[in-house]
Each structure stands twice: as C-alpha cells, then as structure tokens.
Amino acid sequence: MSETTRGLGKDLCARVHAVTGDECYLPDTHYPRPHQSLSGVSWHDGLCTRCAGSGLHADGLCPACNGTSFEPLTI
C-alpha cells in the first residue's frame, strides 16, 4: 500500500487562529484570501512579532500567538 503524500493544492491550510483556536478549512492555495473556519470566522495572520515565529517566549508558549507562531492581523 502506498503512503499518501502532502502536495500543494491537495491539502487543507489548517492554520489555527491564535485567539479563537479556529482552524482554516480552505485549500493550502487560498492565499492571499483570508483564512476561513467552518464556524464562519475569517482572519489574516502573519508571523508573530513577539516570538518571531518560534511559538515560545520565556520558556513557555508565546502569549501573543498561543504557540501557533502566527498572530492575527487587522486589515
């Protein structure tokens, strides 16, 4: 049996909103359109400015992005 591999345009984005925890259900090729969750929440995000995308701050989860490495942007 062959193992399914991830591929551009075949997989879901699955980016998680740092505050609400909602997961983006759109294909991974949806950029630059906003992320969208099944509950109707939509958002833009960018690399977290506090942890520089590591998800960690002061030996714990980054409080700005909740460890997701991305923070919501206001557009």
Protein backbone atom coordinates (compact mmCIF):
# COMPACT_ATOMS: atom_id res chain seq x y z
CA MET A 1 0.00 0.00 0.00
CA SER A 2 1.43 3.40 -0.92
CA GLU A 3 1.51 6.25 1.55
CA THR A 4 -0.33 9.45 0.60
CA THR A 5 2.00 12.44 0.44
CA ARG A 6 1.17 16.07 1.01
CA GLY A 7 1.12 18.21 -2.08
CA LEU A 8 0.44 21.83 -2.98
CA GLY A 9 -3.22 22.28 -3.81
CA LYS A 10 -4.24 18.90 -2.42
CA ASP A 11 -4.18 19.64 1.28
CA LEU A 12 -6.01 21.95 3.62
CA CYS A 13 -4.36 25.01 5.08
CA ALA A 14 -5.23 24.02 8.68
CA ARG A 15 -3.77 27.26 10.09
CA VAL A 16 -5.10 27.85 13.60
CA HIS A 17 -6.37 31.26 14.77
CA ALA A 18 -4.17 32.29 17.70
CA VAL A 19 -7.02 33.61 19.84
CA THR A 20 -10.09 31.52 18.99
CA GLY A 21 -8.37 28.25 18.04
CA ASP A 22 -10.47 28.01 14.86
CA GLU A 23 -8.82 26.01 12.07
CA CYS A 24 -8.75 27.12 8.43
CA TYR A 25 -10.52 24.59 6.19
CA LEU A 26 -9.56 26.17 2.84
CA PRO A 27 -7.07 24.51 0.46
CA ASP A 28 -3.46 25.45 1.12
CA THR A 29 -3.51 27.53 -2.08
CA HIS A 30 -6.08 30.07 -0.81
CA TYR A 31 -3.54 32.86 -0.23
CA PRO A 32 -3.86 35.88 -0.35
CA ARG A 33 -7.52 35.39 0.56
CA PRO A 34 -8.15 35.29 4.33
CA HIS A 35 -8.25 32.11 6.35
CA GLN A 36 -11.77 30.75 6.92
CA SER A 37 -13.10 28.36 9.57
CA LEU A 38 -16.17 26.13 9.38
CA SER A 39 -17.79 28.33 12.05
CA GLY A 40 -17.61 31.34 9.70
CA VAL A 41 -14.66 33.12 11.32
CA SER A 42 -12.23 34.65 8.81
CA TRP A 43 -8.84 36.21 9.51
CA HIS A 44 -5.49 37.27 8.13
CA ASP A 45 -2.35 36.49 10.07
CA GLY A 46 1.37 36.99 9.94
CA LEU A 47 4.49 35.74 11.67
CA CYS A 48 4.26 36.53 15.38
CA THR A 49 6.24 39.65 16.25
CA ARG A 50 6.80 38.66 19.89
CA CYS A 51 8.35 35.20 19.35
CA ALA A 52 9.48 35.66 15.71
CA GLY A 53 7.59 32.51 14.72
CA SER A 54 9.08 30.12 17.26
CA GLY A 55 5.86 29.81 19.29
CA LEU A 56 7.87 30.11 22.51
CA HIS A 57 8.58 33.05 24.79
CA ALA A 58 10.41 32.97 28.14
CA ASP A 59 10.45 29.13 28.23
CA GLY A 60 6.70 28.81 27.65
CA LEU A 61 4.05 29.26 24.98
CA CYS A 62 4.11 32.71 23.47
CA PRO A 63 1.21 34.75 24.93
CA ALA A 64 0.73 36.71 21.70
CA CYS A 65 0.20 33.70 19.39
CA ASN A 66 -0.57 30.89 21.88
CA GLY A 67 2.25 28.84 20.36
CA THR A 68 0.82 28.92 16.82
CA SER A 69 3.73 31.10 15.55
CA PHE A 70 1.26 33.43 13.78
CA GLU A 71 -0.74 36.37 15.13
CA PRO A 72 -3.97 37.79 13.71
CA LEU A 73 -3.58 40.99 11.66
CA THR A 74 -6.02 43.86 11.49
CA ILE A 75 -6.51 44.92 7.89
